[in-house]
Amino acid sequence: MLHDGQTPPSFSSETGEPLRETLALRSIPETSTIQVSFNIMPDRPVSETLVLKEYRLGESYIEAVFDREYASTMLNSPDHLIFLTALAHCQRLGYVYLCHYFERPYEPQDNEILKIWPVSVKVEMARMIRKRRDVVQKMWVTSITKEAERQYLASMRSTIEDLMSFEIVSKVFLL
């Protein structure tokens, strides 16, 4: 387990990516959804639902497998993963991982036991993700630093199918 301010020890010398060490610590079946709905133009809704299947948890790593459902009334809007939905899922990935880190149970139907408030988010997209089934989103927690009693700062990196990435720094509050 990472300790306050400690970073994961292993990174690939070729790609700079954190390694997937100790990935198989635990598998968590998941049957919930992440839903995002919005409109860019009036009366032309766009929506996406991630249908979660499983979380795989490692020492400083978590990944999720999900299917996606996309709907759009906008013209020429191809079926693709919406970065807003993926960003919302980053928060869930962080929540599940941080429950593990703080040795608290992940019980999605219970009241929240921590809050995650992003303070910095960087998004990069090489191209659209069109895959609909068994999409994999990965997250590495690169540091967790205690700032005050029950308050932490966490840095995370998430990738989806090696086409979309997020660099996130968040405040974490234990409730």
C-alpha atoms as a PDB file:
ATOM      1  CA  MET A   1       0.000   0.000   0.000  1.00  0.00           C
ATOM      2  CA  LEU A   2       1.186   3.536  -0.749  1.00  0.00           C
ATOM      3  CA  HIS A   3       2.003   5.662   2.270  1.00  0.00           C
ATOM      4  CA  ASP A   4       1.440   9.410   2.507  1.00  0.00           C
ATOM      5  CA  GLY A   5       3.471  11.120  -0.195  1.00  0.00           C
ATOM      6  CA  GLN A   6       4.922   7.860  -1.548  1.00  0.00           C
ATOM      7  CA  THR A   7       4.730   7.156  -5.274  1.00  0.00           C
ATOM      8  CA  PRO A   8       4.401   3.722  -6.840  1.00  0.00           C
ATOM      9  CA  PRO A   9       7.887   2.280  -7.350  1.00  0.00           C
ATOM     10  CA  SER A  10       7.674   0.770 -10.844  1.00  0.00           C
ATOM     11  CA  PHE A  11       7.412   2.634 -14.120  1.00  0.00           C
ATOM     12  CA  SER A  12       8.210   1.385 -17.606  1.00  0.00           C
ATOM     13  CA  SER A  13      11.523   2.774 -18.810  1.00  0.00           C
ATOM     14  CA  GLU A  14      10.287   2.539 -22.406  1.00  0.00           C
ATOM     15  CA  THR A  15       6.923   4.308 -22.141  1.00  0.00           C
ATOM     16  CA  GLY A  16       7.015   6.080 -18.792  1.00  0.00           C
ATOM     17  CA  GLU A  17       3.723   4.355 -17.942  1.00  0.00           C
ATOM     18  CA  PRO A  18       3.279   2.885 -14.478  1.00  0.00           C
ATOM     19  CA  LEU A  19       3.492  -0.891 -14.556  1.00  0.00           C
ATOM     20  CA  ARG A  20       0.479  -3.056 -13.755  1.00  0.00           C
ATOM     21  CA  GLU A  21       2.193  -4.747 -10.848  1.00  0.00           C
ATOM     22  CA  THR A  22       0.139  -6.628  -8.269  1.00  0.00           C
ATOM     23  CA  LEU A  23      -2.906  -6.202 -10.476  1.00  0.00           C
ATOM     24  CA  ALA A  24      -4.694  -9.317  -9.294  1.00  0.00           C
ATOM     25  CA  LEU A  25      -5.070  -8.347  -5.635  1.00  0.00           C
ATOM     26  CA  ARG A  26      -8.825  -8.319  -5.934  1.00  0.00           C
ATOM     27  CA  SER A  27     -11.646  -8.467  -8.454  1.00  0.00           C
ATOM     28  CA  ILE A  28     -14.884  -6.649  -7.601  1.00  0.00           C
ATOM     29  CA  PRO A  29     -17.947  -7.556  -9.672  1.00  0.00           C
ATOM     30  CA  GLU A  30     -19.992  -4.447 -10.460  1.00  0.00           C
ATOM     31  CA  THR A  31     -23.442  -4.159 -12.001  1.00  0.00           C
ATOM     32  CA  SER A  32     -24.176  -0.440 -11.673  1.00  0.00           C
ATOM     33  CA  THR A  33     -24.112   2.255 -14.347  1.00  0.00           C
ATOM     34  CA  ILE A  34     -22.625   5.693 -14.951  1.00  0.00           C
ATOM     35  CA  GLN A  35     -24.978   7.947 -16.918  1.00  0.00           C
ATOM     36  CA  VAL A  36     -24.395  11.332 -18.527  1.00  0.00           C
ATOM     37  CA  SER A  37     -26.972  13.316 -20.471  1.00  0.00           C
ATOM     38  CA  PHE A  38     -26.603  16.828 -21.879  1.00  0.00           C
ATOM     39  CA  ASN A  39     -27.382  18.986 -24.873  1.00  0.00           C
ATOM     40  CA  ILE A  40     -25.073  21.210 -26.878  1.00  0.00           C
ATOM     41  CA  MET A  41     -27.873  22.565 -29.057  1.00  0.00           C
ATOM     42  CA  PRO A  42     -31.420  23.163 -27.774  1.00  0.00           C
ATOM     43  CA  ASP A  43     -33.730  20.123 -27.862  1.00  0.00           C
ATOM     44  CA  ARG A  44     -31.008  17.797 -29.208  1.00  0.00           C
ATOM     45  CA  PRO A  45     -30.028  15.565 -26.294  1.00  0.00           C
ATOM     46  CA  VAL A  46     -26.951  13.378 -26.186  1.00  0.00           C
ATOM     47  CA  SER A  47     -26.636  10.609 -23.610  1.00  0.00           C
ATOM     48  CA  GLU A  48     -24.320   7.796 -22.703  1.00  0.00           C
ATOM     49  CA  THR A  49     -24.481   5.009 -20.161  1.00  0.00           C
ATOM     50  CA  LEU A  50     -21.538   2.928 -19.022  1.00  0.00           C
ATOM     51  CA  VAL A  51     -22.733  -0.499 -17.923  1.00  0.00           C
ATOM     52  CA  LEU A  52     -20.097  -1.630 -15.474  1.00  0.00           C
ATOM     53  CA  LYS A  53     -19.005  -5.255 -15.258  1.00  0.00           C
ATOM     54  CA  GLU A  54     -15.960  -5.489 -13.008  1.00  0.00           C
ATOM     55  CA  TYR A  55     -13.244  -3.601 -11.162  1.00  0.00           C
ATOM     56  CA  ARG A  56      -9.754  -5.116 -10.870  1.00  0.00           C
ATOM     57  CA  LEU A  57      -7.761  -3.672  -8.033  1.00  0.00           C
ATOM     58  CA  GLY A  58      -3.993  -3.636  -7.490  1.00  0.00           C
ATOM     59  CA  GLU A  59      -1.647  -1.981  -5.046  1.00  0.00           C
ATOM     60  CA  SER A  60      -1.545   1.398  -6.810  1.00  0.00           C
ATOM     61  CA  TYR A  61      -3.761   0.539  -9.770  1.00  0.00           C
ATOM     62  CA  ILE A  62      -7.403  -0.064 -10.645  1.00  0.00           C
ATOM     63  CA  GLU A  63      -9.126  -0.873 -13.888  1.00  0.00           C
ATOM     64  CA  ALA A  64     -12.725  -1.300 -14.964  1.00  0.00           C
ATOM     65  CA  VAL A  65     -14.432  -3.232 -17.722  1.00  0.00           C
ATOM     66  CA  PHE A  66     -17.688  -1.862 -19.094  1.00  0.00           C
ATOM     67  CA  ASP A  67     -20.031  -1.749 -22.068  1.00  0.00           C
ATOM     68  CA  ARG A  68     -21.405   1.549 -23.346  1.00  0.00           C
ATOM     69  CA  GLU A  69     -24.729   2.706 -24.725  1.00  0.00           C
ATOM     70  CA  TYR A  70     -24.775   5.940 -26.755  1.00  0.00           C
ATOM     71  CA  ALA A  71     -27.671   7.995 -28.085  1.00  0.00           C
ATOM     72  CA  SER A  72     -27.643  11.331 -29.881  1.00  0.00           C
ATOM     73  CA  THR A  73     -30.187  13.423 -31.749  1.00  0.00           C
ATOM     74  CA  MET A  74     -27.441  15.661 -33.175  1.00  0.00           C
ATOM     75  CA  LEU A  75     -26.669  15.428 -36.884  1.00  0.00           C
ATOM     76  CA  ASN A  76     -23.580  13.455 -37.898  1.00  0.00           C
ATOM     77  CA  SER A  77     -22.767  12.423 -34.325  1.00  0.00           C
ATOM     78  CA  PRO A  78     -21.110   9.005 -34.519  1.00  0.00           C
ATOM     79  CA  ASP A  79     -21.400   6.536 -31.656  1.00  0.00           C
ATOM     80  CA  HIS A  80     -18.325   7.231 -29.511  1.00  0.00           C
ATOM     81  CA  LEU A  81     -17.228   7.377 -25.881  1.00  0.00           C
ATOM     82  CA  ILE A  82     -17.993  10.844 -24.538  1.00  0.00           C
ATOM     83  CA  PHE A  83     -15.092  12.232 -22.524  1.00  0.00           C
ATOM     84  CA  LEU A  84     -17.534  13.609 -19.920  1.00  0.00           C
ATOM     85  CA  THR A  85     -18.822  10.095 -19.180  1.00  0.00           C
ATOM     86  CA  ALA A  86     -15.262   8.793 -18.921  1.00  0.00           C
ATOM     87  CA  LEU A  87     -14.376  11.684 -16.614  1.00  0.00           C
ATOM     88  CA  ALA A  88     -17.351  10.893 -14.358  1.00  0.00           C
ATOM     89  CA  HIS A  89     -16.157   7.287 -14.268  1.00  0.00           C
ATOM     90  CA  CYS A  90     -12.687   8.489 -13.207  1.00  0.00           C
ATOM     91  CA  GLN A  91     -14.308   9.722 -10.029  1.00  0.00           C
ATOM     92  CA  ARG A  92     -15.841   6.269  -9.412  1.00  0.00           C
ATOM     93  CA  LEU A  93     -12.521   4.546 -10.142  1.00  0.00           C
ATOM     94  CA  GLY A  94     -10.828   6.861  -7.669  1.00  0.00           C
ATOM     95  CA  TYR A  95     -13.535   6.203  -5.088  1.00  0.00           C
ATOM     96  CA  VAL A  96     -13.201   2.414  -5.349  1.00  0.00           C
ATOM     97  CA  TYR A  97      -9.407   2.596  -5.177  1.00  0.00           C
ATOM     98  CA  LEU A  98      -9.412   5.016  -2.235  1.00  0.00           C
ATOM     99  CA  CYS A  99     -11.785   2.767  -0.277  1.00  0.00           C
ATOM    100  CA  HIS A 100      -9.106   0.080  -0.658  1.00  0.00           C
ATOM    101  CA  TYR A 101      -6.286   2.483   0.220  1.00  0.00           C
ATOM    102  CA  PHE A 102      -7.998   3.696   3.397  1.00  0.00           C
ATOM    103  CA  GLU A 103      -9.028   0.124   4.261  1.00  0.00           C
ATOM    104  CA  ARG A 104     -12.727   0.879   4.109  1.00  0.00           C
ATOM    105  CA  PRO A 105     -15.353  -1.269   2.404  1.00  0.00           C
ATOM    106  CA  TYR A 106     -16.590  -0.334  -1.047  1.00  0.00           C
ATOM    107  CA  GLU A 107     -20.344  -0.627  -0.650  1.00  0.00           C
ATOM    108  CA  PRO A 108     -21.954   1.192  -3.586  1.00  0.00           C
ATOM    109  CA  GLN A 109     -25.462   1.062  -2.098  1.00  0.00           C
ATOM    110  CA  ASP A 110     -24.395   2.579   1.259  1.00  0.00           C
ATOM    111  CA  ASN A 111     -23.757   6.234   2.078  1.00  0.00           C
ATOM    112  CA  GLU A 112     -20.486   7.639   0.771  1.00  0.00           C
ATOM    113  CA  ILE A 113     -17.519   7.317   3.084  1.00  0.00           C
ATOM    114  CA  LEU A 114     -15.318   9.837   1.280  1.00  0.00           C
ATOM    115  CA  LYS A 115     -15.612  12.764  -1.103  1.00  0.00           C
ATOM    116  CA  ILE A 116     -13.373  13.417  -4.099  1.00  0.00           C
ATOM    117  CA  TRP A 117     -13.152  16.990  -5.378  1.00  0.00           C
ATOM    118  CA  PRO A 118     -10.978  17.425  -8.479  1.00  0.00           C
ATOM    119  CA  VAL A 119      -8.830  20.556  -8.412  1.00  0.00           C
ATOM    120  CA  SER A 120      -6.956  19.946 -11.669  1.00  0.00           C
ATOM    121  CA  VAL A 121      -7.939  17.887 -14.730  1.00  0.00           C
ATOM    122  CA  LYS A 122      -6.055  17.492 -17.996  1.00  0.00           C
ATOM    123  CA  VAL A 123      -7.743  15.617 -20.856  1.00  0.00           C
ATOM    124  CA  GLU A 124      -6.096  14.257 -24.005  1.00  0.00           C
ATOM    125  CA  MET A 125      -7.856  12.390 -26.808  1.00  0.00           C
ATOM    126  CA  ALA A 126      -5.922  10.904 -29.710  1.00  0.00           C
ATOM    127  CA  ARG A 127      -9.147  10.014 -31.535  1.00  0.00           C
ATOM    128  CA  MET A 128     -12.676   8.809 -30.878  1.00  0.00           C
ATOM    129  CA  ILE A 129     -13.217   5.563 -29.006  1.00  0.00           C
ATOM    130  CA  ARG A 130     -15.882   3.671 -30.953  1.00  0.00           C
ATOM    131  CA  LYS A 131     -15.615   0.388 -29.065  1.00  0.00           C
ATOM    132  CA  ARG A 132     -18.900  -0.565 -27.350  1.00  0.00           C
ATOM    133  CA  ARG A 133     -18.196  -3.834 -25.527  1.00  0.00           C
ATOM    134  CA  ASP A 134     -15.572  -4.714 -22.939  1.00  0.00           C
ATOM    135  CA  VAL A 135     -14.039  -1.253 -22.898  1.00  0.00           C
ATOM    136  CA  VAL A 136     -11.176  -1.028 -20.376  1.00  0.00           C
ATOM    137  CA  GLN A 137     -10.427   2.078 -18.343  1.00  0.00           C
ATOM    138  CA  LYS A 138      -7.236   2.016 -16.258  1.00  0.00           C
ATOM    139  CA  MET A 139      -6.171   4.269 -13.405  1.00  0.00           C
ATOM    140  CA  TRP A 140      -2.861   4.589 -11.608  1.00  0.00           C
ATOM    141  CA  VAL A 141      -2.715   6.435  -8.306  1.00  0.00           C
ATOM    142  CA  THR A 142       0.658   8.156  -8.412  1.00  0.00           C
ATOM    143  CA  SER A 143       0.611   9.866  -5.019  1.00  0.00           C
ATOM    144  CA  ILE A 144      -1.497  10.407  -1.921  1.00  0.00           C
ATOM    145  CA  THR A 145      -0.413  13.086   0.542  1.00  0.00           C
ATOM    146  CA  LYS A 146      -2.047  13.902   3.851  1.00  0.00           C
ATOM    147  CA  GLU A 147      -2.833  17.627   4.078  1.00  0.00           C
ATOM    148  CA  ALA A 148      -4.847  17.750   7.306  1.00  0.00           C
ATOM    149  CA  GLU A 149      -6.867  15.495   9.553  1.00  0.00           C
ATOM    150  CA  ARG A 150      -9.132  13.439   7.226  1.00  0.00           C
ATOM    151  CA  GLN A 151      -7.995  15.463   4.192  1.00  0.00           C
ATOM    152  CA  TYR A 152      -5.628  14.274   1.435  1.00  0.00           C
ATOM    153  CA  LEU A 153      -4.386  15.266  -1.996  1.00  0.00           C
ATOM    154  CA  ALA A 154      -4.339  12.471  -4.570  1.00  0.00           C
ATOM    155  CA  SER A 155      -2.771  12.445  -8.038  1.00  0.00           C
ATOM    156  CA  MET A 156      -4.072   9.955 -10.593  1.00  0.00           C
ATOM    157  CA  ARG A 157      -3.653   9.071 -14.242  1.00  0.00           C
ATOM    158  CA  SER A 158      -6.349   7.287 -16.214  1.00  0.00           C
ATOM    159  CA  THR A 159      -6.334   5.891 -19.750  1.00  0.00           C
ATOM    160  CA  ILE A 160      -9.037   4.328 -21.873  1.00  0.00           C
ATOM    161  CA  GLU A 161      -8.067   1.959 -24.665  1.00  0.00           C
ATOM    162  CA  ASP A 162      -4.799   3.955 -24.976  1.00  0.00           C
ATOM    163  CA  LEU A 163      -6.743   6.646 -26.883  1.00  0.00           C
ATOM    164  CA  MET A 164      -7.986   8.938 -24.120  1.00  0.00           C
ATOM    165  CA  SER A 165      -6.182  10.004 -20.966  1.00  0.00           C
ATOM    166  CA  PHE A 166      -6.798  12.072 -17.870  1.00  0.00           C
ATOM    167  CA  GLU A 167      -4.294  13.560 -15.419  1.00  0.00           C
ATOM    168  CA  ILE A 168      -6.216  14.402 -12.243  1.00  0.00           C
ATOM    169  CA  VAL A 169      -5.327  15.976  -8.922  1.00  0.00           C
ATOM    170  CA  SER A 170      -8.104  15.784  -6.319  1.00  0.00           C
ATOM    171  CA  LYS A 171      -8.800  16.696  -2.746  1.00  0.00           C
ATOM    172  CA  VAL A 172     -10.005  13.665  -0.806  1.00  0.00           C
ATOM    173  CA  PHE A 173     -12.086  14.095   2.334  1.00  0.00           C
ATOM    174  CA  LEU A 174     -12.797  11.160   4.644  1.00  0.00           C
ATOM    175  CA  LEU A 175     -16.307  11.425   6.026  1.00  0.00           C
END
